[in-house]
Amino acid sequence: MSYTILLHISGEEAVLGEIEDLPGPQDTSLTVNNPRRKDDKDLSFLHETVTSVVWPMHRVFFIEILPTKEDEDLIGFVRE
């Protein structure tokens, strides 16, 4: 299962991308596929043809896991 994440890196802008598995406590790096800005534009510090980036975990401040389309369809508004 692929996860869409918002990766917050020390001293950089947040990076939107996909990862295959959530990182565990033993992981020292994180591979992000299709890295881009939150507005889906290219990152200025990456070459335009890059499809995957490996970041060391000591540079990662925190990771937001974004809901998938299926998750959004499951949870709806409830009226009482």
N, C-alpha and C. Protein backbone atom coordinates (compact mmCIF):
# COMPACT_ATOMS: atom_id res chain seq x y z
N MET A 1 0.84 -1.18 0.00
CA MET A 1 0.00 0.00 0.00
C MET A 1 0.88 1.24 0.00
N SER A 2 0.54 2.18 -0.82
CA SER A 2 1.29 3.42 -0.92
C SER A 2 0.63 4.50 -0.06
N TYR A 3 1.45 5.31 0.59
CA TYR A 3 0.97 6.40 1.44
C TYR A 3 1.37 7.73 0.84
N THR A 4 0.46 8.69 0.83
CA THR A 4 0.79 10.05 0.44
C THR A 4 1.15 10.80 1.71
N ILE A 5 2.32 11.45 1.68
CA ILE A 5 2.81 12.11 2.89
C ILE A 5 3.20 13.56 2.60
N LEU A 6 3.26 14.32 3.66
CA LEU A 6 3.81 15.66 3.63
C LEU A 6 5.01 15.61 4.56
N LEU A 7 6.20 15.69 3.97
CA LEU A 7 7.45 15.52 4.68
C LEU A 7 8.02 16.88 5.05
N HIS A 8 8.25 17.08 6.34
CA HIS A 8 8.82 18.34 6.83
C HIS A 8 10.30 18.10 7.12
N ILE A 9 11.15 18.80 6.38
CA ILE A 9 12.59 18.63 6.47
C ILE A 9 13.18 19.86 7.14
N SER A 10 14.17 19.65 8.00
CA SER A 10 14.81 20.76 8.71
C SER A 10 15.38 21.77 7.72
N GLY A 11 14.94 23.03 7.84
CA GLY A 11 15.48 24.10 7.03
C GLY A 11 14.98 24.16 5.59
N GLU A 12 14.01 23.34 5.21
CA GLU A 12 13.49 23.31 3.83
C GLU A 12 11.98 23.44 3.85
N GLU A 13 11.41 23.69 2.68
CA GLU A 13 9.96 23.71 2.56
C GLU A 13 9.42 22.27 2.62
N ALA A 14 8.16 22.13 2.97
CA ALA A 14 7.54 20.80 3.06
C ALA A 14 7.48 20.15 1.67
N VAL A 15 7.64 18.84 1.65
CA VAL A 15 7.66 18.06 0.42
C VAL A 15 6.48 17.09 0.42
N LEU A 16 5.70 17.13 -0.65
CA LEU A 16 4.60 16.19 -0.84
C LEU A 16 5.11 15.04 -1.69
N GLY A 17 4.73 13.81 -1.35
CA GLY A 17 5.19 12.67 -2.12
C GLY A 17 4.53 11.39 -1.64
N GLU A 18 4.97 10.28 -2.20
CA GLU A 18 4.44 8.98 -1.85
C GLU A 18 5.56 8.10 -1.33
N ILE A 19 5.22 7.24 -0.35
CA ILE A 19 6.15 6.24 0.15
C ILE A 19 5.45 4.89 0.13
N GLU A 20 6.23 3.83 0.01
CA GLU A 20 5.65 2.48 -0.04
C GLU A 20 5.27 1.97 1.34
N ASP A 21 6.13 2.19 2.33
CA ASP A 21 5.89 1.73 3.69
C ASP A 21 6.21 2.85 4.67
N LEU A 22 5.52 2.85 5.81
CA LEU A 22 5.83 3.83 6.84
C LEU A 22 7.18 3.49 7.48
N PRO A 23 7.97 4.50 7.82
CA PRO A 23 9.28 4.22 8.41
C PRO A 23 9.15 3.67 9.83
N GLY A 24 10.07 2.81 10.18
CA GLY A 24 10.11 2.24 11.51
C GLY A 24 11.22 2.89 12.32
N PRO A 25 11.33 2.54 13.59
CA PRO A 25 12.36 3.14 14.44
C PRO A 25 13.78 2.76 14.05
N GLN A 26 13.96 1.67 13.32
CA GLN A 26 15.29 1.23 12.91
C GLN A 26 15.74 1.86 11.59
N ASP A 27 14.85 2.54 10.87
CA ASP A 27 15.18 3.12 9.56
C ASP A 27 16.09 4.34 9.71
N THR A 28 17.07 4.43 8.81
CA THR A 28 17.99 5.56 8.81
C THR A 28 17.76 6.50 7.64
N SER A 29 16.91 6.07 6.69
CA SER A 29 16.61 6.92 5.53
C SER A 29 15.17 6.69 5.10
N LEU A 30 14.68 7.61 4.27
CA LEU A 30 13.30 7.56 3.78
C LEU A 30 13.30 7.84 2.29
N THR A 31 12.74 6.92 1.50
CA THR A 31 12.65 7.10 0.05
C THR A 31 11.28 7.65 -0.30
N VAL A 32 11.26 8.81 -0.96
CA VAL A 32 10.02 9.48 -1.35
C VAL A 32 9.93 9.46 -2.87
N ASN A 33 8.81 8.96 -3.39
CA ASN A 33 8.56 8.94 -4.83
C ASN A 33 7.74 10.17 -5.22
N ASN A 34 7.96 10.67 -6.41
CA ASN A 34 7.27 11.83 -6.96
C ASN A 34 7.32 13.04 -6.01
N PRO A 35 8.51 13.45 -5.57
CA PRO A 35 8.60 14.59 -4.66
C PRO A 35 8.20 15.88 -5.36
N ARG A 36 7.41 16.72 -4.67
CA ARG A 36 6.94 17.97 -5.23
C ARG A 36 6.52 18.89 -4.09
N ARG A 37 6.26 20.15 -4.43
CA ARG A 37 5.76 21.09 -3.44
C ARG A 37 4.30 20.81 -3.15
N LYS A 38 3.77 21.44 -2.11
CA LYS A 38 2.36 21.22 -1.75
C LYS A 38 1.40 21.64 -2.86
N ASP A 39 1.82 22.60 -3.70
CA ASP A 39 0.97 23.06 -4.80
C ASP A 39 1.25 22.29 -6.10
N ASP A 40 1.90 21.12 -6.00
CA ASP A 40 2.22 20.22 -7.11
C ASP A 40 3.23 20.78 -8.10
N LYS A 41 3.97 21.82 -7.75
CA LYS A 41 5.04 22.33 -8.60
C LYS A 41 6.34 21.62 -8.26
N ASP A 42 7.32 21.71 -9.18
CA ASP A 42 8.62 21.09 -8.96
C ASP A 42 9.35 21.76 -7.81
N LEU A 43 10.17 20.97 -7.13
CA LEU A 43 11.01 21.51 -6.07
C LEU A 43 12.21 22.20 -6.70
N SER A 44 12.54 23.38 -6.23
CA SER A 44 13.60 24.17 -6.84
C SER A 44 14.98 23.55 -6.66
N PHE A 45 15.17 22.75 -5.62
CA PHE A 45 16.49 22.17 -5.35
C PHE A 45 16.69 20.79 -5.97
N LEU A 46 15.71 20.30 -6.74
CA LEU A 46 15.83 19.01 -7.43
C LEU A 46 15.79 19.20 -8.94
N HIS A 47 16.48 18.35 -9.65
CA HIS A 47 16.43 18.34 -11.11
C HIS A 47 15.02 17.95 -11.54
N GLU A 48 14.55 18.48 -12.65
CA GLU A 48 13.16 18.26 -13.06
C GLU A 48 12.84 16.82 -13.43
N THR A 49 13.83 15.98 -13.70
CA THR A 49 13.56 14.59 -14.08
C THR A 49 13.65 13.61 -12.91
N VAL A 50 13.88 14.10 -11.71
CA VAL A 50 14.00 13.23 -10.53
C VAL A 50 12.63 12.64 -10.19
N THR A 51 12.59 11.32 -9.95
CA THR A 51 11.33 10.66 -9.58
C THR A 51 11.35 10.12 -8.16
N SER A 52 12.51 9.92 -7.58
CA SER A 52 12.63 9.44 -6.21
C SER A 52 13.81 10.11 -5.52
N VAL A 53 13.64 10.37 -4.22
CA VAL A 53 14.70 10.98 -3.43
C VAL A 53 14.81 10.21 -2.12
N VAL A 54 16.05 10.01 -1.65
CA VAL A 54 16.30 9.36 -0.38
C VAL A 54 16.81 10.42 0.60
N TRP A 55 16.05 10.65 1.67
CA TRP A 55 16.44 11.62 2.69
C TRP A 55 16.89 10.87 3.93
N PRO A 56 17.98 11.31 4.57
CA PRO A 56 18.38 10.70 5.85
C PRO A 56 17.38 11.12 6.93
N MET A 57 17.07 10.20 7.82
CA MET A 57 16.06 10.46 8.85
C MET A 57 16.47 11.57 9.81
N HIS A 58 17.77 11.83 9.97
CA HIS A 58 18.16 12.91 10.88
C HIS A 58 17.80 14.29 10.35
N ARG A 59 17.46 14.40 9.06
CA ARG A 59 17.01 15.66 8.47
C ARG A 59 15.49 15.83 8.54
N VAL A 60 14.76 14.74 8.81
CA VAL A 60 13.30 14.77 8.83
C VAL A 60 12.82 15.28 10.18
N PHE A 61 12.02 16.35 10.14
CA PHE A 61 11.48 16.93 11.36
C PHE A 61 10.23 16.15 11.79
N PHE A 62 9.27 16.00 10.88
CA PHE A 62 8.13 15.12 11.11
C PHE A 62 7.45 14.81 9.78
N ILE A 63 6.54 13.81 9.81
CA ILE A 63 5.85 13.32 8.61
C ILE A 63 4.35 13.38 8.85
N GLU A 64 3.62 14.00 7.94
CA GLU A 64 2.15 13.97 7.98
C GLU A 64 1.68 12.93 6.99
N ILE A 65 0.80 12.04 7.41
CA ILE A 65 0.23 11.03 6.53
C ILE A 65 -1.14 11.54 6.09
N LEU A 66 -1.28 11.80 4.80
CA LEU A 66 -2.51 12.37 4.27
C LEU A 66 -3.53 11.28 3.98
N PRO A 67 -4.82 11.58 4.15
CA PRO A 67 -5.85 10.57 3.88
C PRO A 67 -5.94 10.26 2.38
N THR A 68 -6.29 9.02 2.09
CA THR A 68 -6.50 8.63 0.70
C THR A 68 -7.93 8.96 0.30
N LYS A 69 -8.24 8.84 -0.97
CA LYS A 69 -9.60 9.09 -1.46
C LYS A 69 -10.60 8.15 -0.80
N GLU A 70 -10.20 6.88 -0.59
CA GLU A 70 -11.09 5.91 0.04
C GLU A 70 -11.39 6.30 1.49
N ASP A 71 -10.38 6.81 2.20
CA ASP A 71 -10.58 7.24 3.59
C ASP A 71 -11.56 8.41 3.66
N GLU A 72 -11.45 9.34 2.71
CA GLU A 72 -12.34 10.49 2.70
C GLU A 72 -13.77 10.09 2.41
N ASP A 73 -13.96 9.04 1.59
CA ASP A 73 -15.31 8.57 1.27
C ASP A 73 -15.94 7.83 2.45
N LEU A 74 -15.13 7.18 3.28
CA LEU A 74 -15.64 6.44 4.44
C LEU A 74 -16.20 7.36 5.51
N ILE A 75 -15.54 8.48 5.72
CA ILE A 75 -15.94 9.40 6.79
C ILE A 75 -16.70 10.54 6.18
N GLY A 76 -17.92 10.71 6.58
CA GLY A 76 -18.75 11.80 6.05
C GLY A 76 -19.39 12.57 7.19
N PHE A 77 -20.15 13.54 6.84
CA PHE A 77 -20.84 14.32 7.84
C PHE A 77 -22.05 13.56 8.38
N VAL A 78 -22.29 13.68 9.66
CA VAL A 78 -23.42 13.00 10.32
C VAL A 78 -24.31 14.07 10.93
N ARG A 79 -25.58 14.01 10.60
CA ARG A 79 -26.54 14.95 11.20
C ARG A 79 -27.30 14.25 12.30
N GLU A 80 -27.54 14.97 13.35
CA GLU A 80 -28.34 14.41 14.45
C GLU A 80 -29.65 15.09 14.57
